[in-house]
């Protein structure tokens, strides 16, 4: 089991009225299941922005060469809540990933949802990826599709 604690001083950053931010998380394994949970308490800022408390819980399990992960995030205050499902798997010598996200936005905001499909390949000092995003941001004709081609060079 791993426990992480954080403290970020904010007071004095822009005003003495700002509040500090604190976080805590725990992670470990229960048999073949990897689990983690955590929380973050963000203090009020000097600009009048109210603080918020957020939390998450996540788990993943390996199924042969594939890994399935699920998670839930509670945004606190006016922030969105989210549920996530991720599947990592090898595809034709590449690393493949499929992600599904469902958002529950607070108030009159639209509930967003979407998915991402991607593959990546490492070639020694370089890595390449291709991703497709499909997002439904609510409302009529609100589907957004995005293709990404990425690369990274390592020195």
N, C-alpha and C. Protein backbone atom coordinates (compact mmCIF):
# COMPACT_ATOMS: atom_id res chain seq x y z
N UNK A 1 0.84 -1.17 0.00
CA UNK A 1 0.00 0.00 0.00
C UNK A 1 0.89 1.24 0.00
N UNK A 2 0.48 2.24 -0.78
CA UNK A 2 1.20 3.50 -0.85
C UNK A 2 0.26 4.63 -0.44
N UNK A 3 0.72 5.49 0.44
CA UNK A 3 -0.05 6.65 0.87
C UNK A 3 0.73 7.89 0.47
N UNK A 4 0.02 8.85 -0.14
CA UNK A 4 0.65 10.11 -0.53
C UNK A 4 -0.15 11.26 0.07
N UNK A 5 0.57 12.22 0.62
CA UNK A 5 -0.04 13.41 1.19
C UNK A 5 0.61 14.63 0.55
N UNK A 6 -0.17 15.67 0.31
CA UNK A 6 0.41 16.89 -0.27
C UNK A 6 -0.19 18.11 0.41
N UNK A 7 0.60 19.15 0.43
CA UNK A 7 0.17 20.43 0.98
C UNK A 7 0.78 21.52 0.10
N UNK A 8 -0.07 22.38 -0.46
CA UNK A 8 0.39 23.46 -1.30
C UNK A 8 0.02 24.79 -0.66
N UNK A 9 1.00 25.52 -0.15
CA UNK A 9 0.70 26.82 0.45
C UNK A 9 0.24 27.81 -0.62
N UNK A 10 -0.87 28.43 -0.40
CA UNK A 10 -1.39 29.43 -1.34
C UNK A 10 -1.41 30.80 -0.72
N UNK A 11 -1.55 30.86 0.60
CA UNK A 11 -1.60 32.16 1.27
C UNK A 11 -0.31 32.92 0.98
N UNK A 12 -0.44 34.17 0.63
CA UNK A 12 0.72 34.99 0.31
C UNK A 12 1.06 34.95 -1.16
N UNK A 13 0.48 33.99 -1.93
CA UNK A 13 0.78 33.92 -3.35
C UNK A 13 0.22 35.13 -4.07
N UNK A 14 -1.02 35.47 -3.76
CA UNK A 14 -1.59 36.67 -4.37
C UNK A 14 -2.26 37.55 -3.34
N UNK A 15 -2.51 36.98 -2.17
CA UNK A 15 -3.13 37.73 -1.09
C UNK A 15 -3.10 36.88 0.16
N UNK A 16 -3.09 37.52 1.29
CA UNK A 16 -3.12 36.77 2.55
C UNK A 16 -4.46 36.10 2.80
N UNK A 17 -5.48 36.41 1.97
CA UNK A 17 -6.79 35.79 2.16
C UNK A 17 -6.92 34.46 1.41
N UNK A 18 -5.93 34.08 0.63
CA UNK A 18 -5.98 32.80 -0.08
C UNK A 18 -5.78 31.66 0.93
N UNK A 19 -6.38 30.50 0.64
CA UNK A 19 -6.27 29.34 1.53
C UNK A 19 -5.43 28.27 0.88
N UNK A 20 -4.79 27.43 1.69
CA UNK A 20 -3.92 26.37 1.20
C UNK A 20 -4.73 25.23 0.59
N UNK A 21 -4.04 24.38 -0.18
CA UNK A 21 -4.64 23.22 -0.80
C UNK A 21 -3.98 21.97 -0.24
N UNK A 22 -4.79 20.97 0.10
CA UNK A 22 -4.30 19.72 0.67
C UNK A 22 -4.84 18.53 -0.12
N UNK A 23 -4.04 17.48 -0.23
CA UNK A 23 -4.47 16.28 -0.93
C UNK A 23 -3.97 15.03 -0.24
N UNK A 24 -4.67 13.93 -0.48
CA UNK A 24 -4.28 12.63 0.08
C UNK A 24 -4.75 11.55 -0.88
N UNK A 25 -3.94 10.50 -1.03
CA UNK A 25 -4.35 9.36 -1.84
C UNK A 25 -3.75 8.08 -1.26
N UNK A 26 -4.40 6.98 -1.56
CA UNK A 26 -3.93 5.67 -1.15
C UNK A 26 -4.07 4.74 -2.35
N UNK A 27 -3.09 3.89 -2.56
CA UNK A 27 -3.15 2.93 -3.67
C UNK A 27 -2.55 1.61 -3.21
N UNK A 28 -3.00 0.57 -3.85
CA UNK A 28 -2.51 -0.76 -3.50
C UNK A 28 -3.18 -1.80 -4.37
N UNK A 29 -3.14 -3.04 -3.90
CA UNK A 29 -3.72 -4.15 -4.67
C UNK A 29 -4.54 -5.05 -3.75
N UNK A 30 -5.62 -5.54 -4.29
CA UNK A 30 -6.43 -6.55 -3.63
C UNK A 30 -6.47 -7.73 -4.59
N UNK A 31 -5.62 -8.69 -4.36
CA UNK A 31 -5.47 -9.80 -5.31
C UNK A 31 -5.00 -9.25 -6.64
N UNK A 32 -5.66 -9.60 -7.75
CA UNK A 32 -5.24 -9.11 -9.07
C UNK A 32 -5.73 -7.70 -9.38
N UNK A 33 -6.53 -7.11 -8.50
CA UNK A 33 -7.12 -5.80 -8.73
C UNK A 33 -6.25 -4.70 -8.13
N UNK A 34 -5.81 -3.75 -8.95
CA UNK A 34 -5.10 -2.57 -8.46
C UNK A 34 -6.14 -1.50 -8.18
N UNK A 35 -6.06 -0.88 -6.99
CA UNK A 35 -7.06 0.11 -6.61
C UNK A 35 -6.37 1.37 -6.10
N UNK A 36 -7.06 2.49 -6.22
CA UNK A 36 -6.58 3.74 -5.65
C UNK A 36 -7.78 4.64 -5.37
N UNK A 37 -7.59 5.52 -4.41
CA UNK A 37 -8.61 6.50 -4.05
C UNK A 37 -7.91 7.72 -3.50
N UNK A 38 -8.56 8.86 -3.63
CA UNK A 38 -7.94 10.07 -3.13
C UNK A 38 -8.91 11.22 -3.04
N UNK A 39 -8.42 12.28 -2.42
CA UNK A 39 -9.21 13.50 -2.29
C UNK A 39 -8.29 14.71 -2.36
N UNK A 40 -8.89 15.83 -2.72
CA UNK A 40 -8.17 17.09 -2.79
C UNK A 40 -9.08 18.18 -2.23
N UNK A 41 -8.56 18.99 -1.36
CA UNK A 41 -9.30 20.10 -0.79
C UNK A 41 -8.61 21.38 -1.21
N UNK A 42 -9.20 22.06 -2.19
CA UNK A 42 -8.62 23.30 -2.71
C UNK A 42 -9.24 24.47 -1.97
N UNK A 43 -8.42 25.30 -1.38
CA UNK A 43 -8.89 26.43 -0.61
C UNK A 43 -9.40 27.57 -1.48
N UNK A 44 -10.11 28.50 -0.85
CA UNK A 44 -10.58 29.71 -1.53
C UNK A 44 -9.37 30.49 -2.03
N UNK A 45 -9.52 31.11 -3.19
CA UNK A 45 -8.44 31.93 -3.72
C UNK A 45 -8.69 33.39 -3.36
N UNK A 46 -7.69 34.19 -3.51
CA UNK A 46 -7.81 35.61 -3.17
C UNK A 46 -8.73 36.33 -4.14
N UNK A 47 -8.94 35.78 -5.34
CA UNK A 47 -9.77 36.45 -6.34
C UNK A 47 -11.26 36.21 -6.10
N UNK A 48 -11.60 35.58 -4.99
CA UNK A 48 -13.01 35.35 -4.68
C UNK A 48 -13.54 34.01 -5.15
N UNK A 49 -12.71 33.21 -5.79
CA UNK A 49 -13.15 31.89 -6.23
C UNK A 49 -13.27 30.99 -5.02
N UNK A 50 -14.43 30.37 -4.89
CA UNK A 50 -14.66 29.49 -3.74
C UNK A 50 -13.86 28.20 -3.90
N UNK A 51 -13.40 27.67 -2.79
CA UNK A 51 -12.67 26.41 -2.81
C UNK A 51 -13.62 25.26 -3.07
N UNK A 52 -13.05 24.07 -3.25
CA UNK A 52 -13.88 22.89 -3.48
C UNK A 52 -13.15 21.65 -3.02
N UNK A 53 -13.91 20.65 -2.70
CA UNK A 53 -13.37 19.35 -2.33
C UNK A 53 -13.72 18.37 -3.43
N UNK A 54 -12.74 17.63 -3.92
CA UNK A 54 -12.99 16.64 -4.95
C UNK A 54 -12.41 15.30 -4.50
N UNK A 55 -12.89 14.22 -5.11
CA UNK A 55 -12.40 12.89 -4.76
C UNK A 55 -12.48 11.97 -5.97
N UNK A 56 -11.73 10.86 -5.90
CA UNK A 56 -11.77 9.87 -6.97
C UNK A 56 -11.58 8.48 -6.39
N UNK A 57 -12.01 7.51 -7.16
CA UNK A 57 -11.75 6.10 -6.86
C UNK A 57 -11.52 5.41 -8.21
N UNK A 58 -10.54 4.51 -8.26
CA UNK A 58 -10.21 3.85 -9.53
C UNK A 58 -9.74 2.43 -9.26
N UNK A 59 -9.92 1.59 -10.25
CA UNK A 59 -9.46 0.22 -10.16
C UNK A 59 -9.08 -0.29 -11.54
N UNK A 60 -8.14 -1.24 -11.60
CA UNK A 60 -7.76 -1.85 -12.88
C UNK A 60 -7.38 -3.29 -12.65
N UNK A 61 -7.57 -4.08 -13.69
CA UNK A 61 -7.25 -5.50 -13.62
C UNK A 61 -6.68 -5.93 -14.98
N UNK A 62 -5.66 -6.77 -14.93
CA UNK A 62 -5.08 -7.31 -16.15
C UNK A 62 -5.82 -8.58 -16.55
N UNK A 63 -6.17 -8.65 -17.82
CA UNK A 63 -6.83 -9.83 -18.39
C UNK A 63 -5.97 -10.32 -19.54
N UNK A 64 -4.99 -11.14 -19.24
CA UNK A 64 -4.03 -11.55 -20.26
C UNK A 64 -3.22 -10.35 -20.69
N UNK A 65 -3.11 -10.09 -22.01
CA UNK A 65 -2.33 -8.93 -22.46
C UNK A 65 -3.10 -7.61 -22.37
N UNK A 66 -4.36 -7.67 -21.95
CA UNK A 66 -5.21 -6.49 -21.90
C UNK A 66 -5.37 -6.01 -20.45
N UNK A 67 -5.53 -4.70 -20.25
CA UNK A 67 -5.81 -4.13 -18.94
C UNK A 67 -7.10 -3.33 -19.04
N UNK A 68 -8.02 -3.57 -18.10
CA UNK A 68 -9.28 -2.83 -18.04
C UNK A 68 -9.27 -1.99 -16.77
N UNK A 69 -9.54 -0.70 -16.92
CA UNK A 69 -9.55 0.23 -15.80
C UNK A 69 -10.87 0.98 -15.76
N UNK A 70 -11.37 1.22 -14.56
CA UNK A 70 -12.58 2.03 -14.37
C UNK A 70 -12.29 3.05 -13.28
N UNK A 71 -12.97 4.18 -13.37
CA UNK A 71 -12.77 5.20 -12.37
C UNK A 71 -13.96 6.13 -12.28
N UNK A 72 -14.08 6.78 -11.14
CA UNK A 72 -15.12 7.77 -10.92
C UNK A 72 -14.49 8.97 -10.24
N UNK A 73 -14.86 10.16 -10.69
CA UNK A 73 -14.34 11.41 -10.15
C UNK A 73 -15.50 12.28 -9.73
N UNK A 74 -15.47 12.76 -8.51
CA UNK A 74 -16.49 13.67 -7.99
C UNK A 74 -15.84 15.03 -7.87
N UNK A 75 -16.28 15.99 -8.70
CA UNK A 75 -15.60 17.27 -8.82
C UNK A 75 -15.81 18.24 -7.69
N UNK A 76 -16.87 18.10 -6.92
CA UNK A 76 -17.13 19.02 -5.82
C UNK A 76 -17.62 20.37 -6.31
N UNK A 77 -18.50 20.99 -5.56
CA UNK A 77 -19.01 22.31 -5.92
C UNK A 77 -19.66 22.31 -7.29
N UNK A 78 -19.30 23.27 -8.13
CA UNK A 78 -19.87 23.39 -9.46
C UNK A 78 -19.08 22.62 -10.51
N UNK A 79 -18.10 21.83 -10.11
CA UNK A 79 -17.28 21.07 -11.07
C UNK A 79 -18.02 19.80 -11.49
N UNK A 80 -17.65 19.28 -12.63
CA UNK A 80 -18.31 18.10 -13.18
C UNK A 80 -17.86 16.82 -12.48
N UNK A 81 -18.76 15.83 -12.47
CA UNK A 81 -18.44 14.48 -12.04
C UNK A 81 -18.21 13.66 -13.31
N UNK A 82 -17.36 12.64 -13.23
CA UNK A 82 -17.05 11.85 -14.42
C UNK A 82 -16.92 10.38 -14.08
N UNK A 83 -17.31 9.55 -15.05
CA UNK A 83 -17.07 8.10 -14.99
C UNK A 83 -16.24 7.74 -16.21
N UNK A 84 -15.22 6.88 -16.01
CA UNK A 84 -14.28 6.58 -17.08
C UNK A 84 -14.07 5.07 -17.17
N UNK A 85 -14.00 4.56 -18.39
CA UNK A 85 -13.65 3.17 -18.69
C UNK A 85 -12.51 3.20 -19.70
N UNK A 86 -11.40 2.51 -19.39
CA UNK A 86 -10.24 2.49 -20.29
C UNK A 86 -9.83 1.04 -20.53
N UNK A 87 -9.56 0.71 -21.78
CA UNK A 87 -9.07 -0.62 -22.15
C UNK A 87 -7.75 -0.42 -22.89
N UNK A 88 -6.66 -0.99 -22.34
CA UNK A 88 -5.35 -0.99 -22.98
C UNK A 88 -5.09 -2.38 -23.53
N UNK A 89 -4.63 -2.46 -24.79
CA UNK A 89 -4.37 -3.76 -25.39
C UNK A 89 -3.38 -3.65 -26.54
N UNK A 90 -2.63 -4.72 -26.78
CA UNK A 90 -1.74 -4.70 -27.95
C UNK A 90 -2.56 -4.93 -29.22
N UNK A 91 -2.18 -4.19 -30.29
CA UNK A 91 -2.84 -4.33 -31.59
C UNK A 91 -1.76 -4.35 -32.66
N UNK A 92 -1.54 -5.48 -33.29
CA UNK A 92 -0.59 -5.61 -34.40
C UNK A 92 0.77 -5.02 -34.07
N UNK A 93 1.32 -5.33 -32.90
CA UNK A 93 2.63 -4.86 -32.51
C UNK A 93 2.65 -3.43 -31.99
N UNK A 94 1.49 -2.84 -31.84
CA UNK A 94 1.39 -1.47 -31.31
C UNK A 94 0.64 -1.52 -29.98
N UNK A 95 0.68 -0.42 -29.26
CA UNK A 95 -0.09 -0.27 -28.04
C UNK A 95 -1.41 0.42 -28.39
N UNK A 96 -2.52 -0.20 -28.04
CA UNK A 96 -3.83 0.37 -28.35
C UNK A 96 -4.57 0.76 -27.09
N UNK A 97 -5.41 1.77 -27.21
CA UNK A 97 -6.18 2.22 -26.05
C UNK A 97 -7.54 2.71 -26.52
N UNK A 98 -8.58 2.32 -25.77
CA UNK A 98 -9.94 2.82 -25.99
C UNK A 98 -10.42 3.41 -24.67
N UNK A 99 -10.97 4.61 -24.72
CA UNK A 99 -11.42 5.31 -23.52
C UNK A 99 -12.84 5.82 -23.73
N UNK A 100 -13.70 5.60 -22.74
CA UNK A 100 -15.07 6.12 -22.75
C UNK A 100 -15.25 6.99 -21.51
N UNK A 101 -15.77 8.21 -21.70
CA UNK A 101 -15.97 9.14 -20.59
C UNK A 101 -17.41 9.63 -20.61
N UNK A 102 -18.05 9.60 -19.46
CA UNK A 102 -19.39 10.17 -19.28
C UNK A 102 -19.29 11.26 -18.22
N UNK A 103 -19.73 12.46 -18.53
CA UNK A 103 -19.66 13.60 -17.61
C UNK A 103 -21.05 13.93 -17.09
N UNK A 104 -21.12 14.36 -15.85
CA UNK A 104 -22.34 14.87 -15.25
C UNK A 104 -22.02 16.28 -14.76
N UNK A 105 -22.30 17.26 -15.62
CA UNK A 105 -21.98 18.65 -15.30
C UNK A 105 -23.02 19.22 -14.34
N UNK A 106 -22.57 20.09 -13.45
CA UNK A 106 -23.46 20.71 -12.47
C UNK A 106 -24.30 21.81 -13.12
N UNK A 107 -25.45 22.07 -12.57
CA UNK A 107 -26.30 23.18 -13.00
C UNK A 107 -26.85 22.99 -14.39
N UNK A 108 -26.93 24.10 -15.15
CA UNK A 108 -27.55 24.09 -16.48
C UNK A 108 -26.57 23.70 -17.58
N UNK A 109 -25.36 23.31 -17.23
CA UNK A 109 -24.38 22.91 -18.25
C UNK A 109 -24.82 21.62 -18.92
N UNK A 110 -24.35 21.43 -20.14
CA UNK A 110 -24.65 20.18 -20.86
C UNK A 110 -23.81 19.05 -20.29
N UNK A 111 -24.36 17.85 -20.30
CA UNK A 111 -23.60 16.67 -19.90
C UNK A 111 -22.81 16.18 -21.10
N UNK A 112 -21.48 16.24 -20.97
CA UNK A 112 -20.59 15.83 -22.06
C UNK A 112 -20.35 14.33 -21.98
N UNK A 113 -20.08 13.73 -23.11
CA UNK A 113 -19.65 12.34 -23.15
C UNK A 113 -18.80 12.17 -24.39
N UNK A 114 -18.04 11.09 -24.42
CA UNK A 114 -17.23 10.87 -25.60
C UNK A 114 -16.34 9.66 -25.46
N UNK A 115 -15.62 9.38 -26.53
CA UNK A 115 -14.68 8.27 -26.53
C UNK A 115 -13.46 8.64 -27.34
N UNK A 116 -12.36 7.94 -27.05
CA UNK A 116 -11.10 8.13 -27.76
C UNK A 116 -10.54 6.76 -28.10
N UNK A 117 -10.12 6.59 -29.33
CA UNK A 117 -9.46 5.38 -29.79
C UNK A 117 -8.08 5.76 -30.28
N UNK A 118 -7.06 5.02 -29.89
CA UNK A 118 -5.72 5.39 -30.31
C UNK A 118 -4.77 4.21 -30.34
N UNK A 119 -3.75 4.35 -31.14
CA UNK A 119 -2.66 3.38 -31.20
C UNK A 119 -1.35 4.15 -31.15
N UNK A 120 -0.32 3.53 -30.59
CA UNK A 120 1.01 4.14 -30.58
C UNK A 120 2.05 3.06 -30.81
N UNK A 121 3.18 3.49 -31.33
CA UNK A 121 4.28 2.58 -31.63
C UNK A 121 5.59 3.25 -31.26
N UNK A 122 6.40 2.54 -30.46
CA UNK A 122 7.71 3.04 -30.09
C UNK A 122 8.73 2.46 -31.06
N UNK A 123 9.59 3.33 -31.59
CA UNK A 123 10.63 2.91 -32.54
C UNK A 123 11.99 3.37 -32.02
N UNK A 124 12.35 2.91 -30.84
CA UNK A 124 13.64 3.29 -30.26
C UNK A 124 13.62 4.71 -29.74
N UNK A 125 14.27 5.62 -30.48
CA UNK A 125 14.39 7.01 -30.03
C UNK A 125 13.17 7.85 -30.41
N UNK A 126 12.17 7.25 -31.02
CA UNK A 126 10.98 7.99 -31.41
C UNK A 126 9.73 7.16 -31.12
N UNK A 127 8.64 7.86 -30.87
CA UNK A 127 7.35 7.21 -30.63
C UNK A 127 6.31 7.96 -31.45
N UNK A 128 5.40 7.22 -32.09
CA UNK A 128 4.36 7.81 -32.93
C UNK A 128 3.00 7.34 -32.46
N UNK A 129 1.98 8.21 -32.61
CA UNK A 129 0.64 7.83 -32.20
C UNK A 129 -0.40 8.41 -33.15
N UNK A 130 -1.53 7.73 -33.22
CA UNK A 130 -2.68 8.18 -34.00
C UNK A 130 -3.89 8.02 -33.11
N UNK A 131 -4.68 9.11 -32.95
CA UNK A 131 -5.84 9.08 -32.07
C UNK A 131 -7.06 9.65 -32.79
N UNK A 132 -8.21 9.10 -32.45
CA UNK A 132 -9.49 9.62 -32.92
C UNK A 132 -10.34 9.94 -31.70
N UNK A 133 -10.85 11.16 -31.60
CA UNK A 133 -11.74 11.58 -30.51
C UNK A 133 -13.12 11.84 -31.07
N UNK A 134 -14.14 11.43 -30.32
CA UNK A 134 -15.52 11.74 -30.65
C UNK A 134 -16.17 12.23 -29.37
N UNK A 135 -16.59 13.48 -29.36
CA UNK A 135 -17.18 14.07 -28.16
C UNK A 135 -18.57 14.60 -28.48
N UNK A 136 -19.49 14.36 -27.57
CA UNK A 136 -20.83 14.92 -27.65
C UNK A 136 -20.93 15.93 -26.52
N UNK A 137 -20.92 17.21 -26.87
CA UNK A 137 -20.91 18.25 -25.85
C UNK A 137 -22.30 18.78 -25.53
N UNK A 138 -23.33 18.04 -25.91
CA UNK A 138 -24.71 18.40 -25.59
C UNK A 138 -25.32 19.32 -26.63
N UNK A 139 -26.64 19.29 -26.73
CA UNK A 139 -27.34 20.16 -27.67
C UNK A 139 -27.40 19.55 -29.06
N UNK A 140 -28.08 20.25 -29.96
CA UNK A 140 -28.26 19.79 -31.33
C UNK A 140 -26.97 19.99 -32.13
N UNK A 141 -26.64 19.03 -32.96
CA UNK A 141 -25.44 19.09 -33.79
C UNK A 141 -24.19 19.43 -32.98
N UNK A 142 -24.03 18.75 -31.87
CA UNK A 142 -22.94 19.09 -30.97
C UNK A 142 -21.82 18.04 -30.95
N UNK A 143 -21.80 17.17 -31.93
CA UNK A 143 -20.76 16.14 -31.99
C UNK A 143 -19.49 16.73 -32.58
N UNK A 144 -18.37 16.52 -31.88
CA UNK A 144 -17.08 17.04 -32.32
C UNK A 144 -16.15 15.86 -32.57
N UNK A 145 -15.58 15.78 -33.77
CA UNK A 145 -14.64 14.71 -34.11
C UNK A 145 -13.26 15.33 -34.34
N UNK A 146 -12.24 14.67 -33.77
CA UNK A 146 -10.87 15.18 -33.89
C UNK A 146 -9.92 14.02 -34.16
N UNK A 147 -9.04 14.19 -35.14
CA UNK A 147 -7.95 13.24 -35.40
C UNK A 147 -6.65 13.88 -34.94
N UNK A 148 -5.78 13.09 -34.30
CA UNK A 148 -4.47 13.59 -33.86
C UNK A 148 -3.38 12.63 -34.32
N UNK A 149 -2.32 13.19 -34.85
CA UNK A 149 -1.12 12.44 -35.18
C UNK A 149 -0.03 13.01 -34.30
N UNK A 150 0.58 12.18 -33.47
CA UNK A 150 1.57 12.66 -32.53
C UNK A 150 2.90 11.94 -32.69
N UNK A 151 3.95 12.59 -32.24
CA UNK A 151 5.27 11.98 -32.25
C UNK A 151 6.08 12.54 -31.09
N UNK A 152 7.03 11.76 -30.63
CA UNK A 152 7.96 12.20 -29.59
C UNK A 152 9.34 11.69 -29.95
N UNK A 153 10.32 12.56 -29.83
CA UNK A 153 11.72 12.18 -30.06
C UNK A 153 12.46 12.23 -28.74
N UNK A 154 13.23 11.20 -28.46
CA UNK A 154 13.95 11.11 -27.20
C UNK A 154 15.44 11.31 -27.45
N UNK A 155 16.08 12.11 -26.61
CA UNK A 155 17.52 12.38 -26.75
C UNK A 155 18.24 11.82 -25.56
